[in-house]
Amino acid sequence: MYKKGDVVLVRSITGATIPPVHVRLYKKIVQKSKTYGEFKDKSYVAWEGSLIYKGEIKKLNKEWSISWKYPDNVEIFVFEEDIIRKL
C-alpha cells in the first residue's frame, strides 16, 4: 500500500489533541507476533520516517514540548494504522 519515499499524513498515537503531521517514509518494518513466556506480543506493520515541515515541528515543540529539532532530529516511528492518507 505504501512504499519508501511516500509522503503521508499521520495522526498521533496519543490522541486527537495533537494535530496530524506530514512524514516521509523510508523503512518498512513488519513484525510477526511473538510469545515471551506467558506474554504474547502482537504483530504490526510500521515505518521509520522523518517529519518534513519545520513549522509542524516547531508547533509540536512549543505547544506539547515534544523535543524534535529541525533538521537534525526529525526521525519518527509510525504504525501503519495511524497513517491517515498518502499525499
PDB file of N, CA and C in Angstrom:
ATOM      1  N   MET A   1       0.818  -1.192   0.000  1.00  0.00           N
ATOM      2  CA  MET A   1       0.000   0.000   0.000  1.00  0.00           C
ATOM      3  C   MET A   1       0.868   1.265   0.000  1.00  0.00           C
ATOM      4  N   TYR A   2       1.847   1.312   0.883  1.00  0.00           N
ATOM      5  CA  TYR A   2       2.775   2.439   0.933  1.00  0.00           C
ATOM      6  C   TYR A   2       4.147   1.943   0.528  1.00  0.00           C
ATOM      7  N   LYS A   3       4.988   2.860   0.068  1.00  0.00           N
ATOM      8  CA  LYS A   3       6.340   2.467  -0.321  1.00  0.00           C
ATOM      9  C   LYS A   3       7.341   3.515   0.146  1.00  0.00           C
ATOM     10  N   LYS A   4       8.601   3.133   0.125  1.00  0.00           N
ATOM     11  CA  LYS A   4       9.675   4.023   0.537  1.00  0.00           C
ATOM     12  C   LYS A   4       9.604   5.322  -0.264  1.00  0.00           C
ATOM     13  N   GLY A   5       9.711   6.452   0.436  1.00  0.00           N
ATOM     14  CA  GLY A   5       9.679   7.760  -0.205  1.00  0.00           C
ATOM     15  C   GLY A   5       8.315   8.420  -0.224  1.00  0.00           C
ATOM     16  N   ASP A   6       7.253   7.675   0.086  1.00  0.00           N
ATOM     17  CA  ASP A   6       5.914   8.267   0.121  1.00  0.00           C
ATOM     18  C   ASP A   6       5.820   9.314   1.221  1.00  0.00           C
ATOM     19  N   VAL A   7       5.048  10.359   0.962  1.00  0.00           N
ATOM     20  CA  VAL A   7       4.731  11.361   1.978  1.00  0.00           C
ATOM     21  C   VAL A   7       3.301  11.080   2.425  1.00  0.00           C
ATOM     22  N   VAL A   8       3.134  10.936   3.742  1.00  0.00           N
ATOM     23  CA  VAL A   8       1.831  10.592   4.301  1.00  0.00           C
ATOM     24  C   VAL A   8       1.468  11.548   5.429  1.00  0.00           C
ATOM     25  N   LEU A   9       0.173  11.633   5.703  1.00  0.00           N
ATOM     26  CA  LEU A   9      -0.335  12.396   6.837  1.00  0.00           C
ATOM     27  C   LEU A   9      -0.590  11.391   7.950  1.00  0.00           C
ATOM     28  N   VAL A  10      -0.047  11.668   9.148  1.00  0.00           N
ATOM     29  CA  VAL A  10      -0.077  10.707  10.250  1.00  0.00           C
ATOM     30  C   VAL A  10      -0.717  11.333  11.475  1.00  0.00           C
ATOM     31  N   ARG A  11      -1.632  10.579  12.090  1.00  0.00           N
ATOM     32  CA  ARG A  11      -2.234  11.036  13.356  1.00  0.00           C
ATOM     33  C   ARG A  11      -1.370  10.549  14.510  1.00  0.00           C
ATOM     34  N   SER A  12      -1.458  11.257  15.624  1.00  0.00           N
ATOM     35  CA  SER A  12      -0.690  10.881  16.805  1.00  0.00           C
ATOM     36  C   SER A  12      -1.314   9.664  17.476  1.00  0.00           C
ATOM     37  N   ILE A  13      -0.468   8.780  17.940  1.00  0.00           N
ATOM     38  CA  ILE A  13      -0.937   7.598  18.657  1.00  0.00           C
ATOM     39  C   ILE A  13      -1.536   7.998  20.015  1.00  0.00           C
ATOM     40  N   THR A  14      -1.196   9.179  20.500  1.00  0.00           N
ATOM     41  CA  THR A  14      -1.671   9.622  21.813  1.00  0.00           C
ATOM     42  C   THR A  14      -3.064  10.234  21.787  1.00  0.00           C
ATOM     43  N   GLY A  15      -3.607  10.508  20.617  1.00  0.00           N
ATOM     44  CA  GLY A  15      -4.965  11.029  20.546  1.00  0.00           C
ATOM     45  C   GLY A  15      -5.104  12.213  19.623  1.00  0.00           C
ATOM     46  N   ALA A  16      -6.342  12.685  19.509  1.00  0.00           N
ATOM     47  CA  ALA A  16      -6.685  13.730  18.543  1.00  0.00           C
ATOM     48  C   ALA A  16      -6.247  15.131  18.967  1.00  0.00           C
ATOM     49  N   THR A  17      -5.808  15.320  20.190  1.00  0.00           N
ATOM     50  CA  THR A  17      -5.382  16.639  20.648  1.00  0.00           C
ATOM     51  C   THR A  17      -4.173  17.129  19.870  1.00  0.00           C
ATOM     52  N   ILE A  18      -3.236  16.254  19.604  1.00  0.00           N
ATOM     53  CA  ILE A  18      -2.047  16.610  18.832  1.00  0.00           C
ATOM     54  C   ILE A  18      -2.398  16.504  17.351  1.00  0.00           C
ATOM     55  N   PRO A  19      -2.153  17.553  16.575  1.00  0.00           N
ATOM     56  CA  PRO A  19      -2.563  17.550  15.164  1.00  0.00           C
ATOM     57  C   PRO A  19      -1.748  16.575  14.314  1.00  0.00           C
ATOM     58  N   PRO A  20      -2.324  16.128  13.191  1.00  0.00           N
ATOM     59  CA  PRO A  20      -1.590  15.250  12.277  1.00  0.00           C
ATOM     60  C   PRO A  20      -0.353  15.947  11.717  1.00  0.00           C
ATOM     61  N   VAL A  21       0.654  15.153  11.345  1.00  0.00           N
ATOM     62  CA  VAL A  21       1.901  15.681  10.782  1.00  0.00           C
ATOM     63  C   VAL A  21       2.227  14.978   9.480  1.00  0.00           C
ATOM     64  N   HIS A  22       3.026  15.635   8.658  1.00  0.00           N
ATOM     65  CA  HIS A  22       3.465  15.078   7.386  1.00  0.00           C
ATOM     66  C   HIS A  22       4.787  14.343   7.596  1.00  0.00           C
ATOM     67  N   VAL A  23       4.859  13.112   7.076  1.00  0.00           N
ATOM     68  CA  VAL A  23       6.027  12.253   7.282  1.00  0.00           C
ATOM     69  C   VAL A  23       6.449  11.640   5.948  1.00  0.00           C
ATOM     70  N   ARG A  24       7.759  11.618   5.698  1.00  0.00           N
ATOM     71  CA  ARG A  24       8.302  10.885   4.551  1.00  0.00           C
ATOM     72  C   ARG A  24       8.768   9.524   5.062  1.00  0.00           C
ATOM     73  N   LEU A  25       8.237   8.458   4.470  1.00  0.00           N
ATOM     74  CA  LEU A  25       8.543   7.099   4.893  1.00  0.00           C
ATOM     75  C   LEU A  25       9.851   6.631   4.278  1.00  0.00           C
ATOM     76  N   TYR A  26      10.698   5.925   5.063  1.00  0.00           N
ATOM     77  CA  TYR A  26      11.926   5.425   4.466  1.00  0.00           C
ATOM     78  C   TYR A  26      12.275   3.984   4.811  1.00  0.00           C
ATOM     79  N   LYS A  27      11.642   3.341   5.787  1.00  0.00           N
ATOM     80  CA  LYS A  27      11.946   1.934   6.052  1.00  0.00           C
ATOM     81  C   LYS A  27      10.718   1.248   6.649  1.00  0.00           C
ATOM     82  N   LYS A  28      10.251   0.187   5.970  1.00  0.00           N
ATOM     83  CA  LYS A  28       9.093  -0.575   6.441  1.00  0.00           C
ATOM     84  C   LYS A  28       9.551  -1.661   7.409  1.00  0.00           C
ATOM     85  N   ILE A  29       8.776  -1.846   8.476  1.00  0.00           N
ATOM     86  CA  ILE A  29       9.071  -2.854   9.485  1.00  0.00           C
ATOM     87  C   ILE A  29       7.835  -3.740   9.635  1.00  0.00           C
ATOM     88  N   VAL A  30       7.994  -5.027   9.395  1.00  0.00           N
ATOM     89  CA  VAL A  30       6.901  -5.986   9.566  1.00  0.00           C
ATOM     90  C   VAL A  30       7.291  -6.906  10.717  1.00  0.00           C
ATOM     91  N   GLN A  31       6.527  -6.838  11.786  1.00  0.00           N
ATOM     92  CA  GLN A  31       6.814  -7.630  12.981  1.00  0.00           C
ATOM     93  C   GLN A  31       5.720  -8.675  13.171  1.00  0.00           C
ATOM     94  N   LYS A  32       6.088  -9.932  13.133  1.00  0.00           N
ATOM     95  CA  LYS A  32       5.130 -11.008  13.388  1.00  0.00           C
ATOM     96  C   LYS A  32       5.005 -11.199  14.896  1.00  0.00           C
ATOM     97  N   SER A  33       3.864 -11.730  15.328  1.00  0.00           N
ATOM     98  CA  SER A  33       3.640 -11.903  16.764  1.00  0.00           C
ATOM     99  C   SER A  33       4.654 -12.889  17.348  1.00  0.00           C
ATOM    100  N   LYS A  34       5.026 -12.631  18.588  1.00  0.00           N
ATOM    101  CA  LYS A  34       5.979 -13.464  19.317  1.00  0.00           C
ATOM    102  C   LYS A  34       5.411 -13.757  20.704  1.00  0.00           C
ATOM    103  N   THR A  35       5.884 -14.859  21.282  1.00  0.00           N
ATOM    104  CA  THR A  35       5.473 -15.207  22.633  1.00  0.00           C
ATOM    105  C   THR A  35       6.703 -15.212  23.536  1.00  0.00           C
ATOM    106  N   TYR A  36       6.574 -14.521  24.678  1.00  0.00           N
ATOM    107  CA  TYR A  36       7.630 -14.462  25.688  1.00  0.00           C
ATOM    108  C   TYR A  36       7.050 -15.012  26.983  1.00  0.00           C
ATOM    109  N   GLY A  37       7.220 -16.306  27.217  1.00  0.00           N
ATOM    110  CA  GLY A  37       6.618 -16.916  28.406  1.00  0.00           C
ATOM    111  C   GLY A  37       5.104 -16.859  28.286  1.00  0.00           C
ATOM    112  N   GLU A  38       4.451 -16.153  29.217  1.00  0.00           N
ATOM    113  CA  GLU A  38       3.000 -16.011  29.179  1.00  0.00           C
ATOM    114  C   GLU A  38       2.554 -14.806  28.359  1.00  0.00           C
ATOM    115  N   PHE A  39       3.488 -13.939  28.016  1.00  0.00           N
ATOM    116  CA  PHE A  39       3.163 -12.712  27.291  1.00  0.00           C
ATOM    117  C   PHE A  39       3.197 -12.952  25.783  1.00  0.00           C
ATOM    118  N   LYS A  40       2.121 -12.586  25.095  1.00  0.00           N
ATOM    119  CA  LYS A  40       2.086 -12.722  23.638  1.00  0.00           C
ATOM    120  C   LYS A  40       2.085 -11.327  23.020  1.00  0.00           C
ATOM    121  N   ASP A  41       3.110 -11.049  22.250  1.00  0.00           N
ATOM    122  CA  ASP A  41       3.274  -9.768  21.582  1.00  0.00           C
ATOM    123  C   ASP A  41       2.483  -9.773  20.275  1.00  0.00           C
ATOM    124  N   LYS A  42       1.798  -8.680  19.954  1.00  0.00           N
ATOM    125  CA  LYS A  42       1.007  -8.597  18.726  1.00  0.00           C
ATOM    126  C   LYS A  42       1.894  -8.331  17.517  1.00  0.00           C
ATOM    127  N   SER A  43       1.403  -8.727  16.365  1.00  0.00           N
ATOM    128  CA  SER A  43       2.118  -8.395  15.129  1.00  0.00           C
ATOM    129  C   SER A  43       1.722  -6.977  14.709  1.00  0.00           C
ATOM    130  N   TYR A  44       2.595  -6.335  13.937  1.00  0.00           N
ATOM    131  CA  TYR A  44       2.300  -4.996  13.451  1.00  0.00           C
ATOM    132  C   TYR A  44       3.115  -4.693  12.200  1.00  0.00           C
ATOM    133  N   VAL A  45       2.641  -3.667  11.484  1.00  0.00           N
ATOM    134  CA  VAL A  45       3.379  -3.117  10.352  1.00  0.00           C
ATOM    135  C   VAL A  45       3.628  -1.654  10.695  1.00  0.00           C
ATOM    136  N   ALA A  46       4.862  -1.230  10.592  1.00  0.00           N
ATOM    137  CA  ALA A  46       5.212   0.142  10.950  1.00  0.00           C
ATOM    138  C   ALA A  46       6.252   0.676   9.974  1.00  0.00           C
ATOM    139  N   TRP A  47       6.541   1.949  10.097  1.00  0.00           N
ATOM    140  CA  TRP A  47       7.527   2.611   9.236  1.00  0.00           C
ATOM    141  C   TRP A  47       8.434   3.500  10.067  1.00  0.00           C
ATOM    142  N   GLU A  48       9.692   3.563   9.661  1.00  0.00           N
ATOM    143  CA  GLU A  48      10.573   4.618  10.137  1.00  0.00           C
ATOM    144  C   GLU A  48      10.458   5.721   9.106  1.00  0.00           C
ATOM    145  N   GLY A  49      10.449   6.950   9.574  1.00  0.00           N
ATOM    146  CA  GLY A  49      10.310   8.071   8.662  1.00  0.00           C
ATOM    147  C   GLY A  49      10.863   9.333   9.281  1.00  0.00           C
ATOM    148  N   SER A  50      10.619  10.438   8.596  1.00  0.00           N
ATOM    149  CA  SER A  50      11.072  11.721   9.129  1.00  0.00           C
ATOM    150  C   SER A  50      10.007  12.780   8.893  1.00  0.00           C
ATOM    151  N   LEU A  51       9.860  13.647   9.885  1.00  0.00           N
ATOM    152  CA  LEU A  51       8.970  14.794   9.740  1.00  0.00           C
ATOM    153  C   LEU A  51       9.563  15.708   8.678  1.00  0.00           C
ATOM    154  N   ILE A  52       8.705  16.352   7.873  1.00  0.00           N
ATOM    155  CA  ILE A  52       9.260  17.122   6.761  1.00  0.00           C
ATOM    156  C   ILE A  52       9.024  18.623   6.831  1.00  0.00           C
ATOM    157  N   TYR A  53       8.088  19.081   7.665  1.00  0.00           N
ATOM    158  CA  TYR A  53       7.803  20.519   7.703  1.00  0.00           C
ATOM    159  C   TYR A  53       8.281  21.153   9.005  1.00  0.00           C
ATOM    160  N   LYS A  54       9.139  22.134   8.883  1.00  0.00           N
ATOM    161  CA  LYS A  54       9.726  22.825  10.025  1.00  0.00           C
ATOM    162  C   LYS A  54       8.642  23.455  10.909  1.00  0.00           C
ATOM    163  N   GLY A  55       7.608  24.017  10.299  1.00  0.00           N
ATOM    164  CA  GLY A  55       6.532  24.654  11.061  1.00  0.00           C
ATOM    165  C   GLY A  55       5.791  23.676  11.959  1.00  0.00           C
ATOM    166  N   GLU A  56       5.554  22.467  11.462  1.00  0.00           N
ATOM    167  CA  GLU A  56       4.882  21.452  12.287  1.00  0.00           C
ATOM    168  C   GLU A  56       5.762  21.051  13.463  1.00  0.00           C
ATOM    169  N   ILE A  57       7.059  20.922  13.213  1.00  0.00           N
ATOM    170  CA  ILE A  57       7.995  20.538  14.270  1.00  0.00           C
ATOM    171  C   ILE A  57       8.050  21.610  15.353  1.00  0.00           C
ATOM    172  N   LYS A  58       8.119  22.868  14.941  1.00  0.00           N
ATOM    173  CA  LYS A  58       8.150  23.972  15.914  1.00  0.00           C
ATOM    174  C   LYS A  58       6.876  24.005  16.754  1.00  0.00           C
ATOM    175  N   LYS A  59       5.721  23.782  16.104  1.00  0.00           N
ATOM    176  CA  LYS A  59       4.449  23.803  16.822  1.00  0.00           C
ATOM    177  C   LYS A  59       4.383  22.671  17.851  1.00  0.00           C
ATOM    178  N   LEU A  60       4.807  21.468  17.466  1.00  0.00           N
ATOM    179  CA  LEU A  60       4.811  20.339  18.403  1.00  0.00           C
ATOM    180  C   LEU A  60       5.750  20.607  19.572  1.00  0.00           C
ATOM    181  N   ASN A  61       6.887  21.211  19.282  1.00  0.00           N
ATOM    182  CA  ASN A  61       7.868  21.528  20.322  1.00  0.00           C
ATOM    183  C   ASN A  61       7.325  22.580  21.283  1.00  0.00           C
ATOM    184  N   LYS A  62       6.731  23.620  20.741  1.00  0.00           N
ATOM    185  CA  LYS A  62       6.260  24.731  21.570  1.00  0.00           C
ATOM    186  C   LYS A  62       4.997  24.380  22.365  1.00  0.00           C
ATOM    187  N   GLU A  63       3.996  23.791  21.707  1.00  0.00           N
ATOM    188  CA  GLU A  63       2.698  23.567  22.354  1.00  0.00           C
ATOM    189  C   GLU A  63       2.632  22.283  23.180  1.00  0.00           C
ATOM    190  N   TRP A  64       3.432  21.265  22.825  1.00  0.00           N
ATOM    191  CA  TRP A  64       3.358  19.987  23.535  1.00  0.00           C
ATOM    192  C   TRP A  64       4.703  19.528  24.075  1.00  0.00           C
ATOM    193  N   SER A  65       5.721  20.341  23.992  1.00  0.00           N
ATOM    194  CA  SER A  65       7.061  20.019  24.495  1.00  0.00           C
ATOM    195  C   SER A  65       7.605  18.704  23.943  1.00  0.00           C
ATOM    196  N   ILE A  66       7.300  18.435  22.679  1.00  0.00           N
ATOM    197  CA  ILE A  66       7.856  17.263  22.003  1.00  0.00           C
ATOM    198  C   ILE A  66       9.190  17.703  21.413  1.00  0.00           C
ATOM    199  N   SER A  67      10.248  17.053  21.792  1.00  0.00           N
ATOM    200  CA  SER A  67      11.589  17.590  21.557  1.00  0.00           C
ATOM    201  C   SER A  67      12.233  17.193  20.223  1.00  0.00           C
ATOM    202  N   TRP A  68      11.577  17.479  19.119  1.00  0.00           N
ATOM    203  CA  TRP A  68      12.215  17.321  17.814  1.00  0.00           C
ATOM    204  C   TRP A  68      12.926  18.617  17.468  1.00  0.00           C
ATOM    205  N   LYS A  69      14.038  18.505  16.797  1.00  0.00           N
ATOM    206  CA  LYS A  69      14.807  19.685  16.383  1.00  0.00           C
ATOM    207  C   LYS A  69      15.057  19.590  14.883  1.00  0.00           C
ATOM    208  N   TYR A  70      14.574  20.565  14.147  1.00  0.00           N
ATOM    209  CA  TYR A  70      14.757  20.587  12.688  1.00  0.00           C
ATOM    210  C   TYR A  70      16.131  21.118  12.360  1.00  0.00           C
ATOM    211  N   PRO A  71      16.870  20.586  11.444  1.00  0.00           N
ATOM    212  CA  PRO A  71      16.618  19.426  10.592  1.00  0.00           C
ATOM    213  C   PRO A  71      17.294  18.154  11.101  1.00  0.00           C
ATOM    214  N   ASP A  72      17.988  18.212  12.239  1.00  0.00           N
ATOM    215  CA  ASP A  72      18.819  17.082  12.674  1.00  0.00           C
ATOM    216  C   ASP A  72      18.066  15.956  13.369  1.00  0.00           C
ATOM    217  N   ASN A  73      17.068  16.272  14.159  1.00  0.00           N
ATOM    218  CA  ASN A  73      16.384  15.260  14.953  1.00  0.00           C
ATOM    219  C   ASN A  73      14.906  15.229  14.582  1.00  0.00           C
ATOM    220  N   VAL A  74      14.590  14.605  13.457  1.00  0.00           N
ATOM    221  CA  VAL A  74      13.203  14.588  12.982  1.00  0.00           C
ATOM    222  C   VAL A  74      12.713  13.170  12.677  1.00  0.00           C
ATOM    223  N   GLU A  75      13.434  12.149  13.163  1.00  0.00           N
ATOM    224  CA  GLU A  75      13.038  10.774  12.908  1.00  0.00           C
ATOM    225  C   GLU A  75      11.794  10.422  13.723  1.00  0.00           C
ATOM    226  N   ILE A  76      10.963   9.564  13.142  1.00  0.00           N
ATOM    227  CA  ILE A  76       9.713   9.185  13.791  1.00  0.00           C
ATOM    228  C   ILE A  76       9.390   7.736  13.440  1.00  0.00           C
ATOM    229  N   PHE A  77       8.734   7.037  14.355  1.00  0.00           N
ATOM    230  CA  PHE A  77       8.279   5.662  14.165  1.00  0.00           C
ATOM    231  C   PHE A  77       6.763   5.723  14.042  1.00  0.00           C
ATOM    232  N   VAL A  78       6.219   5.177  12.949  1.00  0.00           N
ATOM    233  CA  VAL A  78       4.793   5.310  12.645  1.00  0.00           C
ATOM    234  C   VAL A  78       4.180   3.928  12.431  1.00  0.00           C
ATOM    235  N   PHE A  79       3.128   3.623  13.192  1.00  0.00           N
ATOM    236  CA  PHE A  79       2.378   2.406  12.912  1.00  0.00           C
ATOM    237  C   PHE A  79       1.519   2.662  11.679  1.00  0.00           C
ATOM    238  N   GLU A  80       1.435   1.668  10.793  1.00  0.00           N
ATOM    239  CA  GLU A  80       0.697   1.858   9.547  1.00  0.00           C
ATOM    240  C   GLU A  80      -0.781   2.194   9.815  1.00  0.00           C
ATOM    241  N   GLU A  81      -1.332   1.711  10.911  1.00  0.00           N
ATOM    242  CA  GLU A  81      -2.730   2.005  11.244  1.00  0.00           C
ATOM    243  C   GLU A  81      -2.950   3.476  11.604  1.00  0.00           C
ATOM    244  N   ASP A  82      -1.879   4.215  11.905  1.00  0.00           N
ATOM    245  CA  ASP A  82      -2.009   5.631  12.236  1.00  0.00           C
ATOM    246  C   ASP A  82      -1.833   6.550  11.014  1.00  0.00           C
ATOM    247  N   ILE A  83      -1.577   5.968   9.856  1.00  0.00           N
ATOM    248  CA  ILE A  83      -1.475   6.771   8.630  1.00  0.00           C
ATOM    249  C   ILE A  83      -2.879   7.101   8.157  1.00  0.00           C
ATOM    250  N   ILE A  84      -3.157   8.388   8.008  1.00  0.00           N
ATOM    251  CA  ILE A  84      -4.476   8.850   7.584  1.00  0.00           C
ATOM    252  C   ILE A  84      -4.639   8.680   6.072  1.00  0.00           C
ATOM    253  N   ARG A  85      -3.636   9.185   5.321  1.00  0.00           N
ATOM    254  CA  ARG A  85      -3.683   9.059   3.866  1.00  0.00           C
ATOM    255  C   ARG A  85      -2.325   9.392   3.263  1.00  0.00           C
ATOM    256  N   LYS A  86      -2.155   8.915   2.042  1.00  0.00           N
ATOM    257  CA  LYS A  86      -0.954   9.224   1.261  1.00  0.00           C
ATOM    258  C   LYS A  86      -1.211  10.541   0.533  1.00  0.00           C
ATOM    259  N   LEU A  87      -0.183  11.377   0.486  1.00  0.00           N
ATOM    260  CA  LEU A  87      -0.339  12.667  -0.186  1.00  0.00           C
ATOM    261  C   LEU A  87       0.343  12.658  -1.538  1.00  0.00           C
TER     262      LEU A  87
END
